[in-house]
């Protein structure tokens, strides 16, 4: 009976650290995937936002002569108003996307580096050599 309890205890002591490492390693791998997607999505948003900001600025500046006292042409001013409003809309959305995307990309990069480092720093193993038997826990700081 004592041998059976000792065997069960030995199995718990030897297998529990490896199971915990697999769970921790899987957790870190999920976090790495999550923050990689967050970083990439953030930088894509920032790129689209900066493009929309430039397009909006160009649309608004192309119709800057609308408010002149003597217009250069006999164009319909309502079309110019729509271009200016479209430019203002593109500019506003672009600034919001650029700011949010940069924030999301920077936070994703920082968290990604943290979890990649944690993923590389943990190692639990079982040694079964003729001279040494047991388990090891290696954690680099």
C-alpha atoms as a PDB file:
ATOM      1  CA  UNK A   1       0.000   0.000   0.000  1.00  0.00           C
ATOM      2  CA  UNK A   2       2.830   2.388   0.845  1.00  0.00           C
ATOM      3  CA  UNK A   3       4.474   1.596  -2.461  1.00  0.00           C
ATOM      4  CA  UNK A   4       1.300   2.460  -4.361  1.00  0.00           C
ATOM      5  CA  UNK A   5       0.986   5.817  -2.562  1.00  0.00           C
ATOM      6  CA  UNK A   6       4.659   6.533  -3.162  1.00  0.00           C
ATOM      7  CA  UNK A   7       4.226   5.719  -6.857  1.00  0.00           C
ATOM      8  CA  UNK A   8       1.176   7.995  -7.147  1.00  0.00           C
ATOM      9  CA  UNK A   9       3.043  10.788  -5.359  1.00  0.00           C
ATOM     10  CA  UNK A  10       6.073  10.322  -7.640  1.00  0.00           C
ATOM     11  CA  UNK A  11       3.861  10.507 -10.739  1.00  0.00           C
ATOM     12  CA  UNK A  12       2.282  13.722  -9.432  1.00  0.00           C
ATOM     13  CA  UNK A  13       5.656  15.280  -8.670  1.00  0.00           C
ATOM     14  CA  UNK A  14       7.170  14.339 -12.031  1.00  0.00           C
ATOM     15  CA  UNK A  15       4.206  14.940 -14.332  1.00  0.00           C
ATOM     16  CA  UNK A  16       2.624  18.010 -12.772  1.00  0.00           C
ATOM     17  CA  UNK A  17       5.467  20.415 -13.713  1.00  0.00           C
ATOM     18  CA  UNK A  18       5.441  19.264 -17.343  1.00  0.00           C
ATOM     19  CA  UNK A  19       1.645  19.657 -17.549  1.00  0.00           C
ATOM     20  CA  UNK A  20       1.900  23.122 -16.001  1.00  0.00           C
ATOM     21  CA  UNK A  21       4.603  24.061 -18.478  1.00  0.00           C
ATOM     22  CA  UNK A  22       2.466  22.943 -21.425  1.00  0.00           C
ATOM     23  CA  UNK A  23      -0.472  24.979 -20.129  1.00  0.00           C
ATOM     24  CA  UNK A  24       1.751  28.019 -19.565  1.00  0.00           C
ATOM     25  CA  UNK A  25       3.439  27.578 -22.923  1.00  0.00           C
ATOM     26  CA  UNK A  26       0.051  27.319 -24.671  1.00  0.00           C
ATOM     27  CA  UNK A  27      -1.128  30.440 -22.851  1.00  0.00           C
ATOM     28  CA  UNK A  28       1.965  32.368 -23.962  1.00  0.00           C
ATOM     29  CA  UNK A  29       1.592  31.132 -27.554  1.00  0.00           C
ATOM     30  CA  UNK A  30      -2.029  32.342 -27.646  1.00  0.00           C
ATOM     31  CA  UNK A  31      -0.944  35.715 -26.290  1.00  0.00           C
ATOM     32  CA  UNK A  32       1.815  35.957 -28.921  1.00  0.00           C
ATOM     33  CA  UNK A  33      -0.724  35.255 -31.690  1.00  0.00           C
ATOM     34  CA  UNK A  34      -3.184  37.756 -30.237  1.00  0.00           C
ATOM     35  CA  UNK A  35      -0.669  40.570 -29.894  1.00  0.00           C
ATOM     36  CA  UNK A  36       0.848  39.858 -33.324  1.00  0.00           C
ATOM     37  CA  UNK A  37      -2.586  40.353 -34.869  1.00  0.00           C
ATOM     38  CA  UNK A  38      -3.110  43.463 -32.736  1.00  0.00           C
ATOM     39  CA  UNK A  39       0.211  44.971 -33.810  1.00  0.00           C
ATOM     40  CA  UNK A  40      -0.331  44.225 -37.508  1.00  0.00           C
ATOM     41  CA  UNK A  41      -3.908  45.503 -37.435  1.00  0.00           C
ATOM     42  CA  UNK A  42      -2.836  48.676 -35.677  1.00  0.00           C
ATOM     43  CA  UNK A  43      -0.158  49.505 -38.212  1.00  0.00           C
ATOM     44  CA  UNK A  44      -2.541  48.775 -41.109  1.00  0.00           C
ATOM     45  CA  UNK A  45      -5.081  51.130 -39.527  1.00  0.00           C
ATOM     46  CA  UNK A  46      -2.392  53.791 -39.143  1.00  0.00           C
ATOM     47  CA  UNK A  47      -1.405  53.436 -42.798  1.00  0.00           C
ATOM     48  CA  UNK A  48      -4.988  53.697 -44.034  1.00  0.00           C
ATOM     49  CA  UNK A  49      -5.609  56.628 -41.700  1.00  0.00           C
ATOM     50  CA  UNK A  50      -2.588  58.558 -42.947  1.00  0.00           C
ATOM     51  CA  UNK A  51      -3.677  57.939 -46.546  1.00  0.00           C
ATOM     52  CA  UNK A  52      -7.196  59.199 -45.818  1.00  0.00           C
ATOM     53  CA  UNK A  53      -5.741  62.247 -44.067  1.00  0.00           C
ATOM     54  CA  UNK A  54      -3.679  63.131 -47.142  1.00  0.00           C
ATOM     55  CA  UNK A  55      -6.632  62.561 -49.491  1.00  0.00           C
ATOM     56  CA  UNK A  56      -8.894  64.696 -47.292  1.00  0.00           C
ATOM     57  CA  UNK A  57      -6.333  67.497 -47.194  1.00  0.00           C
ATOM     58  CA  UNK A  58      -5.982  67.432 -50.976  1.00  0.00           C
ATOM     59  CA  UNK A  59      -9.745  67.501 -51.514  1.00  0.00           C
ATOM     60  CA  UNK A  60     -10.166  70.473 -49.185  1.00  0.00           C
ATOM     61  CA  UNK A  61      -7.227  72.430 -50.592  1.00  0.00           C
ATOM     62  CA  UNK A  62      -8.277  71.827 -54.224  1.00  0.00           C
ATOM     63  CA  UNK A  63     -11.444  73.819 -53.596  1.00  0.00           C
ATOM     64  CA  UNK A  64      -9.904  76.615 -51.546  1.00  0.00           C
ATOM     65  CA  UNK A  65     -10.863  79.215 -54.163  1.00  0.00           C
ATOM     66  CA  UNK A  66     -14.555  78.665 -53.392  1.00  0.00           C
ATOM     67  CA  UNK A  67     -14.519  81.495 -50.867  1.00  0.00           C
ATOM     68  CA  UNK A  68     -12.770  84.000 -53.117  1.00  0.00           C
ATOM     69  CA  UNK A  69     -14.698  87.131 -53.924  1.00  0.00           C
ATOM     70  CA  UNK A  70     -14.102  86.647 -57.630  1.00  0.00           C
ATOM     71  CA  UNK A  71     -14.341  82.989 -58.606  1.00  0.00           C
ATOM     72  CA  UNK A  72     -12.172  81.897 -61.551  1.00  0.00           C
ATOM     73  CA  UNK A  73     -14.807  79.804 -63.285  1.00  0.00           C
ATOM     74  CA  UNK A  74     -18.537  79.453 -63.619  1.00  0.00           C
ATOM     75  CA  UNK A  75     -18.668  76.025 -61.915  1.00  0.00           C
ATOM     76  CA  UNK A  76     -21.564  75.006 -59.739  1.00  0.00           C
ATOM     77  CA  UNK A  77     -20.578  75.763 -56.129  1.00  0.00           C
ATOM     78  CA  UNK A  78     -22.620  72.865 -54.710  1.00  0.00           C
ATOM     79  CA  UNK A  79     -20.231  70.355 -56.306  1.00  0.00           C
ATOM     80  CA  UNK A  80     -17.315  72.122 -54.653  1.00  0.00           C
ATOM     81  CA  UNK A  81     -19.141  72.061 -51.316  1.00  0.00           C
ATOM     82  CA  UNK A  82     -19.572  68.286 -51.629  1.00  0.00           C
ATOM     83  CA  UNK A  83     -15.864  67.886 -52.385  1.00  0.00           C
ATOM     84  CA  UNK A  84     -14.949  70.000 -49.379  1.00  0.00           C
ATOM     85  CA  UNK A  85     -17.302  68.044 -47.120  1.00  0.00           C
ATOM     86  CA  UNK A  86     -15.930  64.758 -48.484  1.00  0.00           C
ATOM     87  CA  UNK A  87     -12.411  66.019 -47.830  1.00  0.00           C
ATOM     88  CA  UNK A  88     -13.336  67.032 -44.296  1.00  0.00           C
ATOM     89  CA  UNK A  89     -14.900  63.621 -43.693  1.00  0.00           C
ATOM     90  CA  UNK A  90     -11.833  61.791 -45.068  1.00  0.00           C
ATOM     91  CA  UNK A  91      -9.524  63.998 -43.022  1.00  0.00           C
ATOM     92  CA  UNK A  92     -11.482  63.433 -39.799  1.00  0.00           C
ATOM     93  CA  UNK A  93     -11.736  59.673 -40.245  1.00  0.00           C
ATOM     94  CA  UNK A  94      -8.071  59.500 -41.276  1.00  0.00           C
ATOM     95  CA  UNK A  95      -6.854  61.307 -38.169  1.00  0.00           C
ATOM     96  CA  UNK A  96      -8.924  59.012 -35.955  1.00  0.00           C
ATOM     97  CA  UNK A  97      -7.678  55.876 -37.706  1.00  0.00           C
ATOM     98  CA  UNK A  98      -4.055  57.031 -37.616  1.00  0.00           C
ATOM     99  CA  UNK A  99      -4.150  57.885 -33.911  1.00  0.00           C
ATOM    100  CA  UNK A 100      -5.986  54.705 -32.908  1.00  0.00           C
ATOM    101  CA  UNK A 101      -3.871  52.526 -35.185  1.00  0.00           C
ATOM    102  CA  UNK A 102      -0.578  53.893 -33.873  1.00  0.00           C
ATOM    103  CA  UNK A 103      -1.711  53.390 -30.300  1.00  0.00           C
ATOM    104  CA  UNK A 104      -2.874  49.847 -31.023  1.00  0.00           C
ATOM    105  CA  UNK A 105       0.315  49.009 -32.941  1.00  0.00           C
ATOM    106  CA  UNK A 106       2.644  50.319 -30.241  1.00  0.00           C
ATOM    107  CA  UNK A 107       0.811  48.541 -27.417  1.00  0.00           C
ATOM    108  CA  UNK A 108       0.707  45.335 -29.466  1.00  0.00           C
ATOM    109  CA  UNK A 109       4.447  45.537 -30.142  1.00  0.00           C
ATOM    110  CA  UNK A 110       5.294  46.034 -26.480  1.00  0.00           C
ATOM    111  CA  UNK A 111       3.072  43.189 -25.281  1.00  0.00           C
ATOM    112  CA  UNK A 112       4.313  40.939 -28.091  1.00  0.00           C
ATOM    113  CA  UNK A 113       7.910  41.447 -27.003  1.00  0.00           C
ATOM    114  CA  UNK A 114       6.984  40.743 -23.395  1.00  0.00           C
ATOM    115  CA  UNK A 115       5.209  37.457 -24.143  1.00  0.00           C
ATOM    116  CA  UNK A 116       7.842  36.313 -26.656  1.00  0.00           C
ATOM    117  CA  UNK A 117      10.444  36.834 -23.955  1.00  0.00           C
ATOM    118  CA  UNK A 118       8.385  34.892 -21.420  1.00  0.00           C
ATOM    119  CA  UNK A 119       7.836  32.111 -23.946  1.00  0.00           C
ATOM    120  CA  UNK A 120      11.571  31.763 -24.538  1.00  0.00           C
ATOM    121  CA  UNK A 121      12.565  31.982 -20.868  1.00  0.00           C
ATOM    122  CA  UNK A 122      10.675  29.041 -19.372  1.00  0.00           C
ATOM    123  CA  UNK A 123      11.936  25.489 -19.556  1.00  0.00           C
ATOM    124  CA  UNK A 124      11.008  22.481 -17.414  1.00  0.00           C
ATOM    125  CA  UNK A 125      12.533  19.117 -18.126  1.00  0.00           C
ATOM    126  CA  UNK A 126      12.938  15.622 -16.739  1.00  0.00           C
ATOM    127  CA  UNK A 127      16.440  14.169 -16.608  1.00  0.00           C
ATOM    128  CA  UNK A 128      16.765  10.421 -16.936  1.00  0.00           C
ATOM    129  CA  UNK A 129      20.483   9.689 -17.230  1.00  0.00           C
ATOM    130  CA  UNK A 130      22.340   6.908 -15.437  1.00  0.00           C
ATOM    131  CA  UNK A 131      24.162   9.384 -13.203  1.00  0.00           C
ATOM    132  CA  UNK A 132      21.430  11.939 -12.583  1.00  0.00           C
ATOM    133  CA  UNK A 133      17.692  11.463 -12.295  1.00  0.00           C
ATOM    134  CA  UNK A 134      15.033  14.009 -11.482  1.00  0.00           C
ATOM    135  CA  UNK A 135      13.446  17.090 -12.944  1.00  0.00           C
ATOM    136  CA  UNK A 136      14.791  20.573 -13.615  1.00  0.00           C
ATOM    137  CA  UNK A 137      13.246  24.004 -13.753  1.00  0.00           C
ATOM    138  CA  UNK A 138      15.105  26.646 -15.690  1.00  0.00           C
ATOM    139  CA  UNK A 139      13.940  30.242 -15.758  1.00  0.00           C
ATOM    140  CA  UNK A 140      16.101  32.992 -17.208  1.00  0.00           C
ATOM    141  CA  UNK A 141      15.764  36.491 -15.810  1.00  0.00           C
END
